[in-house]
PDB file of N, CA and C in Angstrom:
ATOM      1  N   UNK A   1      14.088  23.390 -14.049  1.00  0.00           N
ATOM      2  CA  UNK A   1      12.718  22.721 -14.106  1.00  0.00           C
ATOM      3  C   UNK A   1      12.620  21.384 -13.183  1.00  0.00           C
ATOM      4  N   UNK A   2      11.407  21.281 -12.799  1.00  0.00           N
ATOM      5  CA  UNK A   2      11.153  20.144 -11.941  1.00  0.00           C
ATOM      6  C   UNK A   2      11.332  18.840 -12.625  1.00  0.00           C
ATOM      7  N   UNK A   3      10.688  18.891 -13.712  1.00  0.00           N
ATOM      8  CA  UNK A   3      10.754  17.729 -14.636  1.00  0.00           C
ATOM      9  C   UNK A   3      11.996  17.147 -14.888  1.00  0.00           C
ATOM     10  N   UNK A   4      13.039  18.026 -15.026  1.00  0.00           N
ATOM     11  CA  UNK A   4      14.355  17.600 -15.377  1.00  0.00           C
ATOM     12  C   UNK A   4      15.048  17.092 -14.170  1.00  0.00           C
ATOM     13  N   UNK A   5      14.738  17.558 -13.010  1.00  0.00           N
ATOM     14  CA  UNK A   5      15.117  16.945 -11.819  1.00  0.00           C
ATOM     15  C   UNK A   5      14.593  15.499 -11.529  1.00  0.00           C
ATOM     16  N   UNK A   6      13.397  15.273 -11.817  1.00  0.00           N
ATOM     17  CA  UNK A   6      12.753  14.097 -11.747  1.00  0.00           C
ATOM     18  C   UNK A   6      13.475  12.938 -12.603  1.00  0.00           C
ATOM     19  N   UNK A   7      13.987  13.322 -13.729  1.00  0.00           N
ATOM     20  CA  UNK A   7      14.500  12.353 -14.615  1.00  0.00           C
ATOM     21  C   UNK A   7      15.935  12.147 -14.419  1.00  0.00           C
ATOM     22  N   UNK A   8      16.534  12.758 -13.421  1.00  0.00           N
ATOM     23  CA  UNK A   8      17.887  12.608 -13.133  1.00  0.00           C
ATOM     24  C   UNK A   8      18.082  11.585 -12.001  1.00  0.00           C
ATOM     25  N   UNK A   9      19.026  10.783 -12.221  1.00  0.00           N
ATOM     26  CA  UNK A   9      19.127   9.718 -11.062  1.00  0.00           C
ATOM     27  C   UNK A   9      19.555  10.409  -9.786  1.00  0.00           C
ATOM     28  N   UNK A  10      19.037   9.880  -8.803  1.00  0.00           N
ATOM     29  CA  UNK A  10      19.408  10.330  -7.437  1.00  0.00           C
ATOM     30  C   UNK A  10      20.632   9.871  -7.024  1.00  0.00           C
ATOM     31  N   UNK A  11      21.609  10.587  -6.509  1.00  0.00           N
ATOM     32  CA  UNK A  11      22.888  10.067  -5.809  1.00  0.00           C
ATOM     33  C   UNK A  11      22.579   8.996  -4.840  1.00  0.00           C
ATOM     34  N   UNK A  12      23.414   7.894  -4.766  1.00  0.00           N
ATOM     35  CA  UNK A  12      23.145   6.909  -3.835  1.00  0.00           C
ATOM     36  C   UNK A  12      23.243   7.390  -2.301  1.00  0.00           C
ATOM     37  N   UNK A  13      22.267   6.970  -1.481  1.00  0.00           N
ATOM     38  CA  UNK A  13      22.343   7.467  -0.189  1.00  0.00           C
ATOM     39  C   UNK A  13      23.524   6.706   0.606  1.00  0.00           C
ATOM     40  N   UNK A  14      24.371   7.473   1.320  1.00  0.00           N
ATOM     41  CA  UNK A  14      25.356   6.843   2.076  1.00  0.00           C
ATOM     42  C   UNK A  14      24.671   6.220   3.338  1.00  0.00           C
ATOM     43  N   UNK A  15      25.232   4.916   3.733  1.00  0.00           N
ATOM     44  CA  UNK A  15      24.680   4.386   5.006  1.00  0.00           C
ATOM     45  C   UNK A  15      24.904   5.204   6.023  1.00  0.00           C
ATOM     46  N   UNK A  16      23.887   5.249   7.005  1.00  0.00           N
ATOM     47  CA  UNK A  16      24.080   5.924   8.278  1.00  0.00           C
ATOM     48  C   UNK A  16      25.047   5.516   9.115  1.00  0.00           C
ATOM     49  N   UNK A  17      26.080   6.452   9.461  1.00  0.00           N
ATOM     50  CA  UNK A  17      27.097   6.132  10.319  1.00  0.00           C
ATOM     51  C   UNK A  17      27.312   7.215  11.254  1.00  0.00           C
ATOM     52  N   UNK A  18      27.320   6.690  12.581  1.00  0.00           N
ATOM     53  CA  UNK A  18      27.473   7.658  13.667  1.00  0.00           C
ATOM     54  C   UNK A  18      28.685   8.414  13.631  1.00  0.00           C
ATOM     55  N   UNK A  19      28.865   9.744  13.862  1.00  0.00           N
ATOM     56  CA  UNK A  19      29.889  10.510  13.763  1.00  0.00           C
ATOM     57  C   UNK A  19      30.319  11.007  12.482  1.00  0.00           C
ATOM     58  N   UNK A  20      29.581  10.695  11.376  1.00  0.00           N
ATOM     59  CA  UNK A  20      29.822  11.077  10.001  1.00  0.00           C
ATOM     60  C   UNK A  20      29.774  12.595   9.860  1.00  0.00           C
ATOM     61  N   UNK A  21      30.617  13.234   9.045  1.00  0.00           N
ATOM     62  CA  UNK A  21      30.543  14.767   8.978  1.00  0.00           C
ATOM     63  C   UNK A  21      29.189  15.053   8.308  1.00  0.00           C
ATOM     64  N   UNK A  22      28.604  16.086   8.766  1.00  0.00           N
ATOM     65  CA  UNK A  22      27.374  16.680   8.299  1.00  0.00           C
ATOM     66  C   UNK A  22      27.379  17.777   7.426  1.00  0.00           C
ATOM     67  N   UNK A  23      28.552  18.451   7.380  1.00  0.00           N
ATOM     68  CA  UNK A  23      28.567  19.737   6.613  1.00  0.00           C
ATOM     69  C   UNK A  23      28.162  19.569   5.133  1.00  0.00           C
ATOM     70  N   UNK A  24      28.185  18.547   4.659  1.00  0.00           N
ATOM     71  CA  UNK A  24      27.961  18.421   3.171  1.00  0.00           C
ATOM     72  C   UNK A  24      26.540  18.044   2.774  1.00  0.00           C
ATOM     73  N   UNK A  25      25.682  17.740   4.012  1.00  0.00           N
ATOM     74  CA  UNK A  25      24.312  17.261   3.822  1.00  0.00           C
ATOM     75  C   UNK A  25      23.294  18.501   3.627  1.00  0.00           C
ATOM     76  N   UNK A  26      22.299  18.437   2.939  1.00  0.00           N
ATOM     77  CA  UNK A  26      21.330  19.478   2.766  1.00  0.00           C
ATOM     78  C   UNK A  26      20.457  19.339   4.010  1.00  0.00           C
ATOM     79  N   UNK A  27      19.623  20.402   4.123  1.00  0.00           N
ATOM     80  CA  UNK A  27      18.622  20.319   5.427  1.00  0.00           C
ATOM     81  C   UNK A  27      17.673  19.081   5.297  1.00  0.00           C
ATOM     82  N   UNK A  28      17.303  18.808   3.904  1.00  0.00           N
ATOM     83  CA  UNK A  28      16.284  17.807   3.655  1.00  0.00           C
ATOM     84  C   UNK A  28      17.015  16.456   3.977  1.00  0.00           C
ATOM     85  N   UNK A  29      18.351  16.278   3.647  1.00  0.00           N
ATOM     86  CA  UNK A  29      19.002  15.027   3.876  1.00  0.00           C
ATOM     87  C   UNK A  29      19.241  14.917   5.507  1.00  0.00           C
ATOM     88  N   UNK A  30      19.439  15.912   6.104  1.00  0.00           N
ATOM     89  CA  UNK A  30      19.622  15.849   7.639  1.00  0.00           C
ATOM     90  C   UNK A  30      18.199  15.477   8.237  1.00  0.00           C
ATOM     91  N   UNK A  31      16.958  16.144   7.760  1.00  0.00           N
ATOM     92  CA  UNK A  31      15.847  15.732   8.199  1.00  0.00           C
ATOM     93  C   UNK A  31      15.485  14.111   7.919  1.00  0.00           C
ATOM     94  N   UNK A  32      15.907  13.583   6.775  1.00  0.00           N
ATOM     95  CA  UNK A  32      15.782  12.070   6.377  1.00  0.00           C
ATOM     96  C   UNK A  32      16.610  11.313   7.355  1.00  0.00           C
ATOM     97  N   UNK A  33      17.694  11.833   7.733  1.00  0.00           N
ATOM     98  CA  UNK A  33      18.562  11.002   8.738  1.00  0.00           C
ATOM     99  C   UNK A  33      18.029  10.977  10.035  1.00  0.00           C
ATOM    100  N   UNK A  34      17.509  12.056  10.542  1.00  0.00           N
ATOM    101  CA  UNK A  34      16.843  12.156  11.770  1.00  0.00           C
ATOM    102  C   UNK A  34      15.586  11.389  11.786  1.00  0.00           C
ATOM    103  N   UNK A  35      14.822  11.192  10.821  1.00  0.00           N
ATOM    104  CA  UNK A  35      13.653  10.566  10.638  1.00  0.00           C
ATOM    105  C   UNK A  35      14.071   8.964  10.747  1.00  0.00           C
ATOM    106  N   UNK A  36      15.094   8.646  10.054  1.00  0.00           N
ATOM    107  CA  UNK A  36      15.704   7.236   9.975  1.00  0.00           C
ATOM    108  C   UNK A  36      16.137   6.851  11.273  1.00  0.00           C
ATOM    109  N   UNK A  37      16.961   7.761  12.123  1.00  0.00           N
ATOM    110  CA  UNK A  37      17.472   7.539  13.379  1.00  0.00           C
ATOM    111  C   UNK A  37      16.320   7.322  14.384  1.00  0.00           C
ATOM    112  N   UNK A  38      15.297   8.080  14.439  1.00  0.00           N
ATOM    113  CA  UNK A  38      14.130   7.936  15.193  1.00  0.00           C
ATOM    114  C   UNK A  38      13.509   6.656  15.123  1.00  0.00           C
ATOM    115  N   UNK A  39      13.327   6.276  13.861  1.00  0.00           N
ATOM    116  CA  UNK A  39      12.673   4.994  13.452  1.00  0.00           C
ATOM    117  C   UNK A  39      13.394   3.854  14.066  1.00  0.00           C
ATOM    118  N   UNK A  40      14.814   3.951  13.956  1.00  0.00           N
ATOM    119  CA  UNK A  40      15.806   2.899  14.554  1.00  0.00           C
ATOM    120  C   UNK A  40      15.772   2.905  16.074  1.00  0.00           C
ATOM    121  N   UNK A  41      15.612   4.095  16.566  1.00  0.00           N
ATOM    122  CA  UNK A  41      15.491   4.148  18.169  1.00  0.00           C
ATOM    123  C   UNK A  41      14.170   3.444  18.606  1.00  0.00           C
ATOM    124  N   UNK A  42      13.094   3.667  17.927  1.00  0.00           N
ATOM    125  CA  UNK A  42      11.716   3.052  18.210  1.00  0.00           C
ATOM    126  C   UNK A  42      11.943   1.526  18.005  1.00  0.00           C
ATOM    127  N   UNK A  43      12.606   1.170  16.949  1.00  0.00           N
ATOM    128  CA  UNK A  43      12.752  -0.378  16.724  1.00  0.00           C
ATOM    129  C   UNK A  43      13.539  -0.883  17.780  1.00  0.00           C
ATOM    130  N   UNK A  44      14.635  -0.305  18.304  1.00  0.00           N
ATOM    131  CA  UNK A  44      15.525  -0.793  19.457  1.00  0.00           C
ATOM    132  C   UNK A  44      14.640  -0.766  20.736  1.00  0.00           C
ATOM    133  N   UNK A  45      13.933   0.286  21.020  1.00  0.00           N
ATOM    134  CA  UNK A  45      13.114   0.225  22.157  1.00  0.00           C
ATOM    135  C   UNK A  45      12.142  -0.931  22.197  1.00  0.00           C
ATOM    136  N   UNK A  46      11.511  -1.193  21.067  1.00  0.00           N
ATOM    137  CA  UNK A  46      10.477  -2.308  20.977  1.00  0.00           C
ATOM    138  C   UNK A  46      11.211  -3.441  21.293  1.00  0.00           C
ATOM    139  N   UNK A  47      12.291  -3.784  20.597  1.00  0.00           N
ATOM    140  CA  UNK A  47      13.120  -5.067  20.777  1.00  0.00           C
ATOM    141  C   UNK A  47      13.500  -5.211  22.350  1.00  0.00           C
ATOM    142  N   UNK A  48      14.005  -3.971  22.895  1.00  0.00           N
ATOM    143  CA  UNK A  48      14.352  -4.092  24.301  1.00  0.00           C
ATOM    144  C   UNK A  48      13.183  -4.414  25.185  1.00  0.00           C
ATOM    145  N   UNK A  49      12.053  -3.909  24.989  1.00  0.00           N
ATOM    146  CA  UNK A  49      10.817  -4.206  25.676  1.00  0.00           C
ATOM    147  C   UNK A  49      10.478  -5.610  25.620  1.00  0.00           C
ATOM    148  N   UNK A  50      10.508  -6.118  24.469  1.00  0.00           N
ATOM    149  CA  UNK A  50      10.118  -7.495  24.318  1.00  0.00           C
ATOM    150  C   UNK A  50      11.150  -8.417  24.785  1.00  0.00           C
ATOM    151  N   UNK A  51      12.442  -8.102  24.945  1.00  0.00           N
ATOM    152  CA  UNK A  51      13.389  -8.967  25.622  1.00  0.00           C
ATOM    153  C   UNK A  51      13.171  -8.758  27.166  1.00  0.00           C
ATOM    154  N   UNK A  52      12.844  -7.713  27.562  1.00  0.00           N
ATOM    155  CA  UNK A  52      12.707  -7.496  29.043  1.00  0.00           C
ATOM    156  C   UNK A  52      11.382  -8.314  29.552  1.00  0.00           C
ATOM    157  N   UNK A  53      10.390  -8.217  28.692  1.00  0.00           N
ATOM    158  CA  UNK A  53       9.107  -8.963  28.949  1.00  0.00           C
ATOM    159  C   UNK A  53       9.230 -10.484  28.985  1.00  0.00           C
ATOM    160  N   UNK A  54      10.141 -10.942  27.944  1.00  0.00           N
ATOM    161  CA  UNK A  54      10.475 -12.409  27.913  1.00  0.00           C
ATOM    162  C   UNK A  54      11.253 -12.822  29.078  1.00  0.00           C
ATOM    163  N   UNK A  55      12.124 -11.986  29.522  1.00  0.00           N
ATOM    164  CA  UNK A  55      13.029 -12.299  30.566  1.00  0.00           C
ATOM    165  C   UNK A  55      12.212 -12.358  31.930  1.00  0.00           C
ATOM    166  N   UNK A  56      11.365 -11.370  32.174  1.00  0.00           N
ATOM    167  CA  UNK A  56      10.457 -11.316  33.255  1.00  0.00           C
ATOM    168  C   UNK A  56       9.551 -12.475  33.362  1.00  0.00           C
ATOM    169  N   UNK A  57       9.029 -12.973  32.156  1.00  0.00           N
ATOM    170  CA  UNK A  57       8.127 -14.093  32.188  1.00  0.00           C
ATOM    171  C   UNK A  57       8.813 -15.288  32.453  1.00  0.00           C
ATOM    172  N   UNK A  58      10.097 -15.566  32.032  1.00  0.00           N
ATOM    173  CA  UNK A  58      10.903 -16.678  32.271  1.00  0.00           C
ATOM    174  C   UNK A  58      11.322 -16.712  33.846  1.00  0.00           C
ATOM    175  N   UNK A  59      11.686 -15.468  34.233  1.00  0.00           N
ATOM    176  CA  UNK A  59      12.004 -15.467  35.782  1.00  0.00           C
ATOM    177  C   UNK A  59      10.832 -15.802  36.566  1.00  0.00           C
ATOM    178  N   UNK A  60       9.566 -15.366  36.107  1.00  0.00           N
ATOM    179  CA  UNK A  60       8.418 -15.701  37.082  1.00  0.00           C
ATOM    180  C   UNK A  60       8.094 -17.095  36.870  1.00  0.00           C
ATOM    181  N   UNK A  61       8.292 -17.799  35.813  1.00  0.00           N
ATOM    182  CA  UNK A  61       7.897 -19.130  35.636  1.00  0.00           C
ATOM    183  C   UNK A  61       8.918 -19.996  36.386  1.00  0.00           C
ATOM    184  N   UNK A  62      10.096 -19.709  36.452  1.00  0.00           N
ATOM    185  CA  UNK A  62      11.091 -20.527  37.236  1.00  0.00           C
ATOM    186  C   UNK A  62      11.124 -20.286  38.595  1.00  0.00           C
ATOM    187  N   UNK A  63      10.599 -19.182  39.142  1.00  0.00           N
ATOM    188  CA  UNK A  63      10.567 -18.813  40.604  1.00  0.00           C
ATOM    189  C   UNK A  63       9.464 -19.745  41.205  1.00  0.00           C
ATOM    190  N   UNK A  64       8.595 -20.268  40.607  1.00  0.00           N
ATOM    191  CA  UNK A  64       7.452 -21.125  41.170  1.00  0.00           C
ATOM    192  C   UNK A  64       7.939 -22.295  41.701  1.00  0.00           C
TER     193      UNK A  64
END
């Protein structure tokens, strides 16, 4: 019954770890990990772009 599943505590999620064995994960858990990793990649790309822009601005300022 779905109601019984909703009342059961969810098992705690293990932190994402690169190289972790995947054979015990369900398809839904793999999908969640993929989504989390894609979000982290987007966050890293945004941080990298911001640092590059700041570096370029500083370089342009000090070349004057």
